[in-house]
Amino acid sequence: VHDFEAGTAWQRGSLVLSANLFRMDFRDELVYAGQFNTDLGYPILGNAARSVHQGVELGGRWARLSGHGLRVTADANLSLSDNHFDEYREVYGTASGDTVRYDGNTIGFFPNTTANLALRGEWRGSSLGIAVQHAGRIFVDNTATDANSIEPRTVVDLSLAQRFARRDGSWVECSLRLGNLFDERYEAGGYMDYDATGSLVPHLVPAATRSWTAQVRVGF
């Protein structure tokens, strides 16, 4: 692989911004072929002669402390990428029609867009946080067809915490985390496999629906 990167960062007070450009030219990259060996329990890999991963990564962080003891922080990042084959063949048999070309197609399992945003507020032992995660379309094979893909999704998580401090320096913290706050229905992964009729179709794995986790921590 030949990796080329150029980045920069800028800061003013508590605001920090960064940007990074990258390009990676691969030779003989191991990629997921889209199928899953259900007998042995592992994905089937292919060998791409030439492939490219390129794009831009943006990041930012900001924090503010008010005179009343309220502290607010924000973190965000965004990745926009192009992941494609320059030259890739899959051979399914010995006949001439058994060789499939994927030149120019998007590489499976690499979303072109990912983004994260985290906001957190803290005040007198109380804290509230919200996290937003987005992922663009994810192809589960290398045909670059929407029918064989996971739809883009945006998921929101929420967290609450309260710390009770004692005079001897010990403390108790109670926290609650709500995952997938808005109960978004989406798929977390997938693969291609044959159905009962012998057709090669996508099998998508559903992600967890809304969930919650409670925790109690004690410090001395």
C-alpha atoms as a PDB file:
ATOM      1  CA  VAL A   1       0.000   0.000   0.000  1.00  0.00           C
ATOM      2  CA  HIS A   2       1.136   3.566  -0.750  1.00  0.00           C
ATOM      3  CA  ASP A   3      -0.337   5.987   1.802  1.00  0.00           C
ATOM      4  CA  PHE A   4      -0.398   9.764   1.205  1.00  0.00           C
ATOM      5  CA  GLU A   5      -1.779  12.122   3.865  1.00  0.00           C
ATOM      6  CA  ALA A   6      -1.814  15.854   4.566  1.00  0.00           C
ATOM      7  CA  GLY A   7      -3.426  17.439   7.591  1.00  0.00           C
ATOM      8  CA  THR A   8      -3.797  20.714   9.421  1.00  0.00           C
ATOM      9  CA  ALA A   9      -5.248  21.966  12.712  1.00  0.00           C
ATOM     10  CA  TRP A  10      -6.420  25.345  13.979  1.00  0.00           C
ATOM     11  CA  GLN A  11      -7.103  26.462  17.548  1.00  0.00           C
ATOM     12  CA  ARG A  12      -8.626  29.575  19.022  1.00  0.00           C
ATOM     13  CA  GLY A  13      -9.329  29.480  22.719  1.00  0.00           C
ATOM     14  CA  SER A  14     -11.207  26.279  23.500  1.00  0.00           C
ATOM     15  CA  LEU A  15     -12.189  25.697  19.868  1.00  0.00           C
ATOM     16  CA  VAL A  16     -10.038  23.205  17.957  1.00  0.00           C
ATOM     17  CA  LEU A  17     -10.632  22.285  14.306  1.00  0.00           C
ATOM     18  CA  SER A  18      -8.728  19.758  12.206  1.00  0.00           C
ATOM     19  CA  ALA A  19      -8.741  18.438   8.655  1.00  0.00           C
ATOM     20  CA  ASN A  20      -6.907  15.563   7.016  1.00  0.00           C
ATOM     21  CA  LEU A  21      -6.719  14.475   3.376  1.00  0.00           C
ATOM     22  CA  PHE A  22      -5.718  10.908   2.589  1.00  0.00           C
ATOM     23  CA  ARG A  23      -5.234   8.557  -0.330  1.00  0.00           C
ATOM     24  CA  MET A  24      -4.221   4.918  -0.087  1.00  0.00           C
ATOM     25  CA  ASP A  25      -3.359   2.946  -3.219  1.00  0.00           C
ATOM     26  CA  PHE A  26      -3.565  -0.781  -2.515  1.00  0.00           C
ATOM     27  CA  ARG A  27      -2.137  -3.710  -4.388  1.00  0.00           C
ATOM     28  CA  ASP A  28      -3.570  -7.149  -3.589  1.00  0.00           C
ATOM     29  CA  GLU A  29      -5.922  -5.873  -0.876  1.00  0.00           C
ATOM     30  CA  LEU A  30      -7.849  -8.569   0.978  1.00  0.00           C
ATOM     31  CA  VAL A  31     -11.531  -7.637   0.782  1.00  0.00           C
ATOM     32  CA  TYR A  32     -14.772  -9.286   1.787  1.00  0.00           C
ATOM     33  CA  ALA A  33     -16.241 -11.128  -1.157  1.00  0.00           C
ATOM     34  CA  GLY A  34     -19.707 -10.643   0.321  1.00  0.00           C
ATOM     35  CA  GLN A  35     -20.399 -14.288   1.110  1.00  0.00           C
ATOM     36  CA  PHE A  36     -20.236 -16.083   4.436  1.00  0.00           C
ATOM     37  CA  ASN A  37     -19.116 -19.634   5.045  1.00  0.00           C
ATOM     38  CA  THR A  38     -21.972 -20.748   7.281  1.00  0.00           C
ATOM     39  CA  ASP A  39     -20.383 -24.173   7.804  1.00  0.00           C
ATOM     40  CA  LEU A  40     -17.094 -22.866   9.193  1.00  0.00           C
ATOM     41  CA  GLY A  41     -18.402 -19.531  10.526  1.00  0.00           C
ATOM     42  CA  TYR A  42     -16.178 -16.976   8.812  1.00  0.00           C
ATOM     43  CA  PRO A  43     -16.517 -14.564   5.855  1.00  0.00           C
ATOM     44  CA  ILE A  44     -15.105 -15.447   2.448  1.00  0.00           C
ATOM     45  CA  LEU A  45     -12.301 -13.125   1.348  1.00  0.00           C
ATOM     46  CA  GLY A  46     -11.199 -12.065  -2.114  1.00  0.00           C
ATOM     47  CA  ASN A  47      -7.956 -10.582  -3.420  1.00  0.00           C
ATOM     48  CA  ALA A  48      -8.298  -7.241  -5.245  1.00  0.00           C
ATOM     49  CA  ALA A  49      -5.459  -6.503  -7.653  1.00  0.00           C
ATOM     50  CA  ARG A  50      -5.749  -2.695  -7.339  1.00  0.00           C
ATOM     51  CA  SER A  51      -8.000  -0.607  -5.091  1.00  0.00           C
ATOM     52  CA  VAL A  52      -8.199   2.937  -3.714  1.00  0.00           C
ATOM     53  CA  HIS A  53      -9.311   4.501  -0.430  1.00  0.00           C
ATOM     54  CA  GLN A  54      -9.328   8.300  -0.444  1.00  0.00           C
ATOM     55  CA  GLY A  55     -11.169  11.157   1.206  1.00  0.00           C
ATOM     56  CA  VAL A  56     -11.193  13.830   3.871  1.00  0.00           C
ATOM     57  CA  GLU A  57     -11.551  13.642   7.646  1.00  0.00           C
ATOM     58  CA  LEU A  58     -12.812  16.663   9.591  1.00  0.00           C
ATOM     59  CA  GLY A  59     -12.868  17.083  13.366  1.00  0.00           C
ATOM     60  CA  GLY A  60     -13.776  19.682  15.929  1.00  0.00           C
ATOM     61  CA  ARG A  61     -13.878  20.170  19.699  1.00  0.00           C
ATOM     62  CA  TRP A  62     -15.263  22.992  21.820  1.00  0.00           C
ATOM     63  CA  ALA A  63     -15.576  23.490  25.575  1.00  0.00           C
ATOM     64  CA  ARG A  64     -16.972  26.260  27.760  1.00  0.00           C
ATOM     65  CA  LEU A  65     -17.056  26.773  31.524  1.00  0.00           C
ATOM     66  CA  SER A  66     -19.553  29.334  32.806  1.00  0.00           C
ATOM     67  CA  GLY A  67     -19.282  31.328  36.008  1.00  0.00           C
ATOM     68  CA  HIS A  68     -22.016  29.201  37.588  1.00  0.00           C
ATOM     69  CA  GLY A  69     -19.987  25.994  37.288  1.00  0.00           C
ATOM     70  CA  LEU A  70     -21.707  24.700  34.153  1.00  0.00           C
ATOM     71  CA  ARG A  71     -19.280  22.995  31.792  1.00  0.00           C
ATOM     72  CA  VAL A  72     -20.334  22.206  28.221  1.00  0.00           C
ATOM     73  CA  THR A  73     -18.250  20.232  25.727  1.00  0.00           C
ATOM     74  CA  ALA A  74     -18.885  19.299  22.107  1.00  0.00           C
ATOM     75  CA  ASP A  75     -16.980  16.865  19.908  1.00  0.00           C
ATOM     76  CA  ALA A  76     -17.687  16.192  16.245  1.00  0.00           C
ATOM     77  CA  ASN A  77     -16.058  14.381  13.351  1.00  0.00           C
ATOM     78  CA  LEU A  78     -16.964  13.706   9.745  1.00  0.00           C
ATOM     79  CA  SER A  79     -15.411  11.356   7.207  1.00  0.00           C
ATOM     80  CA  LEU A  80     -16.160  11.582   3.479  1.00  0.00           C
ATOM     81  CA  SER A  81     -14.442   8.870   1.498  1.00  0.00           C
ATOM     82  CA  ASP A  82     -14.295   7.151  -1.855  1.00  0.00           C
ATOM     83  CA  ASN A  83     -13.482   3.448  -1.664  1.00  0.00           C
ATOM     84  CA  HIS A  84     -13.436   1.669  -5.021  1.00  0.00           C
ATOM     85  CA  PHE A  85     -11.764  -1.005  -7.084  1.00  0.00           C
ATOM     86  CA  ASP A  86      -9.456  -0.123  -9.936  1.00  0.00           C
ATOM     87  CA  GLU A  87      -9.090  -3.791 -10.850  1.00  0.00           C
ATOM     88  CA  TYR A  88     -10.875  -6.727  -9.242  1.00  0.00           C
ATOM     89  CA  ARG A  89     -12.059 -10.050 -10.656  1.00  0.00           C
ATOM     90  CA  GLU A  90     -13.999 -12.831  -8.988  1.00  0.00           C
ATOM     91  CA  VAL A  91     -13.813 -16.257 -10.617  1.00  0.00           C
ATOM     92  CA  TYR A  92     -16.731 -18.611  -9.934  1.00  0.00           C
ATOM     93  CA  GLY A  93     -15.898 -21.358 -12.437  1.00  0.00           C
ATOM     94  CA  THR A  94     -13.878 -22.386 -15.476  1.00  0.00           C
ATOM     95  CA  ALA A  95     -16.119 -20.943 -18.224  1.00  0.00           C
ATOM     96  CA  SER A  96     -15.447 -17.458 -19.628  1.00  0.00           C
ATOM     97  CA  GLY A  97     -18.741 -16.193 -18.211  1.00  0.00           C
ATOM     98  CA  ASP A  98     -17.755 -17.282 -14.715  1.00  0.00           C
ATOM     99  CA  THR A  99     -15.393 -14.322 -14.260  1.00  0.00           C
ATOM    100  CA  VAL A 100     -17.060 -11.163 -12.900  1.00  0.00           C
ATOM    101  CA  ARG A 101     -15.399  -7.749 -13.152  1.00  0.00           C
ATOM    102  CA  TYR A 102     -15.911  -5.190 -10.379  1.00  0.00           C
ATOM    103  CA  ASP A 103     -13.644  -2.448 -11.738  1.00  0.00           C
ATOM    104  CA  GLY A 104     -14.886   0.951 -10.548  1.00  0.00           C
ATOM    105  CA  ASN A 105     -17.361  -0.486  -8.034  1.00  0.00           C
ATOM    106  CA  THR A 106     -17.542   0.613  -4.417  1.00  0.00           C
ATOM    107  CA  ILE A 107     -15.739  -1.758  -2.058  1.00  0.00           C
ATOM    108  CA  GLY A 108     -18.188  -3.608   0.146  1.00  0.00           C
ATOM    109  CA  PHE A 109     -18.489  -2.773   3.861  1.00  0.00           C
ATOM    110  CA  PHE A 110     -16.922   0.697   3.513  1.00  0.00           C
ATOM    111  CA  PRO A 111     -19.539   3.469   3.958  1.00  0.00           C
ATOM    112  CA  ASN A 112     -18.642   6.639   2.072  1.00  0.00           C
ATOM    113  CA  THR A 113     -19.934   8.821   4.919  1.00  0.00           C
ATOM    114  CA  THR A 114     -19.583   8.510   8.686  1.00  0.00           C
ATOM    115  CA  ALA A 115     -20.261  11.252  11.232  1.00  0.00           C
ATOM    116  CA  ASN A 116     -20.351  11.541  15.010  1.00  0.00           C
ATOM    117  CA  LEU A 117     -21.510  14.319  17.317  1.00  0.00           C
ATOM    118  CA  ALA A 118     -21.261  14.246  21.126  1.00  0.00           C
ATOM    119  CA  LEU A 119     -22.606  16.954  23.453  1.00  0.00           C
ATOM    120  CA  ARG A 120     -22.094  16.853  27.210  1.00  0.00           C
ATOM    121  CA  GLY A 121     -23.097  19.160  30.037  1.00  0.00           C
ATOM    122  CA  GLU A 122     -21.869  18.935  33.651  1.00  0.00           C
ATOM    123  CA  TRP A 123     -23.077  20.926  36.646  1.00  0.00           C
ATOM    124  CA  ARG A 124     -22.619  20.303  40.378  1.00  0.00           C
ATOM    125  CA  GLY A 125     -22.238  16.551  40.061  1.00  0.00           C
ATOM    126  CA  SER A 126     -24.938  16.137  37.430  1.00  0.00           C
ATOM    127  CA  SER A 127     -24.200  15.333  33.802  1.00  0.00           C
ATOM    128  CA  LEU A 128     -26.223  14.948  30.634  1.00  0.00           C
ATOM    129  CA  GLY A 129     -24.821  13.650  27.360  1.00  0.00           C
ATOM    130  CA  ILE A 130     -26.181  13.017  23.905  1.00  0.00           C
ATOM    131  CA  ALA A 131     -24.367  11.207  21.101  1.00  0.00           C
ATOM    132  CA  VAL A 132     -25.425  11.076  17.453  1.00  0.00           C
ATOM    133  CA  GLN A 133     -23.878   8.578  15.025  1.00  0.00           C
ATOM    134  CA  HIS A 134     -24.476   8.433  11.292  1.00  0.00           C
ATOM    135  CA  ALA A 135     -23.298   5.927   8.708  1.00  0.00           C
ATOM    136  CA  GLY A 136     -23.995   6.062   4.994  1.00  0.00           C
ATOM    137  CA  ARG A 137     -25.023   3.192   2.762  1.00  0.00           C
ATOM    138  CA  ILE A 138     -23.008  -0.009   3.287  1.00  0.00           C
ATOM    139  CA  PHE A 139     -22.849  -2.551   0.477  1.00  0.00           C
ATOM    140  CA  VAL A 140     -22.679  -6.159   1.671  1.00  0.00           C
ATOM    141  CA  ASP A 141     -21.060  -7.358  -1.559  1.00  0.00           C
ATOM    142  CA  ASN A 142     -19.035  -5.761  -4.339  1.00  0.00           C
ATOM    143  CA  THR A 143     -21.756  -5.319  -6.960  1.00  0.00           C
ATOM    144  CA  ALA A 144     -22.542  -1.773  -5.704  1.00  0.00           C
ATOM    145  CA  THR A 145     -26.288  -2.384  -6.054  1.00  0.00           C
ATOM    146  CA  ASP A 146     -28.701  -0.825  -3.552  1.00  0.00           C
ATOM    147  CA  ALA A 147     -30.634  -4.097  -3.239  1.00  0.00           C
ATOM    148  CA  ASN A 148     -27.537  -5.675  -1.667  1.00  0.00           C
ATOM    149  CA  SER A 149     -26.872  -2.964   0.887  1.00  0.00           C
ATOM    150  CA  ILE A 150     -27.656  -1.616   4.339  1.00  0.00           C
ATOM    151  CA  GLU A 151     -29.622   1.639   4.295  1.00  0.00           C
ATOM    152  CA  PRO A 152     -28.027   4.797   5.759  1.00  0.00           C
ATOM    153  CA  ARG A 153     -28.925   5.321   9.403  1.00  0.00           C
ATOM    154  CA  THR A 154     -28.667   7.865  12.190  1.00  0.00           C
ATOM    155  CA  VAL A 155     -28.784   6.685  15.808  1.00  0.00           C
ATOM    156  CA  VAL A 156     -29.048   8.772  18.978  1.00  0.00           C
ATOM    157  CA  ASP A 157     -27.862   7.706  22.463  1.00  0.00           C
ATOM    158  CA  LEU A 158     -28.590   9.546  25.722  1.00  0.00           C
ATOM    159  CA  SER A 159     -26.782   9.355  29.055  1.00  0.00           C
ATOM    160  CA  LEU A 160     -27.613  10.768  32.501  1.00  0.00           C
ATOM    161  CA  ALA A 161     -25.546  10.680  35.673  1.00  0.00           C
ATOM    162  CA  GLN A 162     -25.623  12.072  39.189  1.00  0.00           C
ATOM    163  CA  ARG A 163     -22.706  11.964  41.620  1.00  0.00           C
ATOM    164  CA  PHE A 164     -23.230  12.277  45.379  1.00  0.00           C
ATOM    165  CA  ALA A 165     -20.087  13.323  47.250  1.00  0.00           C
ATOM    166  CA  ARG A 166     -19.461  12.850  50.964  1.00  0.00           C
ATOM    167  CA  ARG A 167     -17.301  14.888  53.300  1.00  0.00           C
ATOM    168  CA  ASP A 168     -14.773  12.071  53.738  1.00  0.00           C
ATOM    169  CA  GLY A 169     -13.981  12.198  50.007  1.00  0.00           C
ATOM    170  CA  SER A 170     -15.967   9.121  49.011  1.00  0.00           C
ATOM    171  CA  TRP A 171     -18.741   9.307  46.434  1.00  0.00           C
ATOM    172  CA  VAL A 172     -21.567   7.383  44.819  1.00  0.00           C
ATOM    173  CA  GLU A 173     -22.510   7.875  41.160  1.00  0.00           C
ATOM    174  CA  CYS A 174     -25.747   6.653  39.586  1.00  0.00           C
ATOM    175  CA  SER A 175     -25.967   6.662  35.801  1.00  0.00           C
ATOM    176  CA  LEU A 176     -28.423   5.660  33.109  1.00  0.00           C
ATOM    177  CA  ARG A 177     -27.676   5.140  29.432  1.00  0.00           C
ATOM    178  CA  LEU A 178     -30.371   4.907  26.776  1.00  0.00           C
ATOM    179  CA  GLY A 179     -29.133   3.317  23.569  1.00  0.00           C
ATOM    180  CA  ASN A 180     -30.938   3.943  20.284  1.00  0.00           C
ATOM    181  CA  LEU A 181     -33.165   6.530  21.974  1.00  0.00           C
ATOM    182  CA  PHE A 182     -35.669   6.855  19.129  1.00  0.00           C
ATOM    183  CA  ASP A 183     -35.864   3.091  18.523  1.00  0.00           C
ATOM    184  CA  GLU A 184     -34.449   3.304  15.008  1.00  0.00           C
ATOM    185  CA  ARG A 185     -34.834   0.047  13.076  1.00  0.00           C
ATOM    186  CA  TYR A 186     -31.707  -0.632  11.055  1.00  0.00           C
ATOM    187  CA  GLU A 187     -29.216  -3.366  10.196  1.00  0.00           C
ATOM    188  CA  ALA A 188     -25.824  -3.662  11.850  1.00  0.00           C
ATOM    189  CA  GLY A 189     -24.255  -5.993   9.266  1.00  0.00           C
ATOM    190  CA  GLY A 190     -24.953  -8.593   6.635  1.00  0.00           C
ATOM    191  CA  TYR A 191     -23.674 -10.995   4.012  1.00  0.00           C
ATOM    192  CA  MET A 192     -24.746 -12.741   0.825  1.00  0.00           C
ATOM    193  CA  ASP A 193     -25.951 -16.337   0.925  1.00  0.00           C
ATOM    194  CA  TYR A 194     -28.288 -18.661  -0.931  1.00  0.00           C
ATOM    195  CA  ASP A 195     -31.942 -18.900   0.033  1.00  0.00           C
ATOM    196  CA  ALA A 196     -34.225 -21.939  -0.162  1.00  0.00           C
ATOM    197  CA  THR A 197     -34.722 -21.440  -3.916  1.00  0.00           C
ATOM    198  CA  GLY A 198     -31.003 -21.361  -4.633  1.00  0.00           C
ATOM    199  CA  SER A 199     -30.865 -17.584  -5.257  1.00  0.00           C
ATOM    200  CA  LEU A 200     -27.989 -15.520  -3.892  1.00  0.00           C
ATOM    201  CA  VAL A 201     -29.658 -12.867  -1.705  1.00  0.00           C
ATOM    202  CA  PRO A 202     -28.595 -10.501   1.097  1.00  0.00           C
ATOM    203  CA  HIS A 203     -29.008 -11.679   4.689  1.00  0.00           C
ATOM    204  CA  LEU A 204     -29.009  -8.610   6.945  1.00  0.00           C
ATOM    205  CA  VAL A 205     -28.441  -8.693  10.705  1.00  0.00           C
ATOM    206  CA  PRO A 206     -30.753  -6.371  12.674  1.00  0.00           C
ATOM    207  CA  ALA A 207     -29.260  -4.020  15.239  1.00  0.00           C
ATOM    208  CA  ALA A 208     -30.495  -3.744  18.811  1.00  0.00           C
ATOM    209  CA  THR A 209     -33.627  -1.697  19.355  1.00  0.00           C
ATOM    210  CA  ARG A 210     -33.975   0.809  22.191  1.00  0.00           C
ATOM    211  CA  SER A 211     -32.117  -0.390  25.283  1.00  0.00           C
ATOM    212  CA  TRP A 212     -31.086   0.913  28.668  1.00  0.00           C
ATOM    213  CA  THR A 213     -28.237   0.297  31.070  1.00  0.00           C
ATOM    214  CA  ALA A 214     -28.131   1.429  34.700  1.00  0.00           C
ATOM    215  CA  GLN A 215     -24.946   1.610  36.721  1.00  0.00           C
ATOM    216  CA  VAL A 216     -23.922   2.462  40.270  1.00  0.00           C
ATOM    217  CA  ARG A 217     -20.290   3.344  41.018  1.00  0.00           C
ATOM    218  CA  VAL A 218     -18.736   3.865  44.423  1.00  0.00           C
ATOM    219  CA  GLY A 219     -15.411   5.608  45.045  1.00  0.00           C
ATOM    220  CA  PHE A 220     -13.324   5.917  48.189  1.00  0.00           C
END
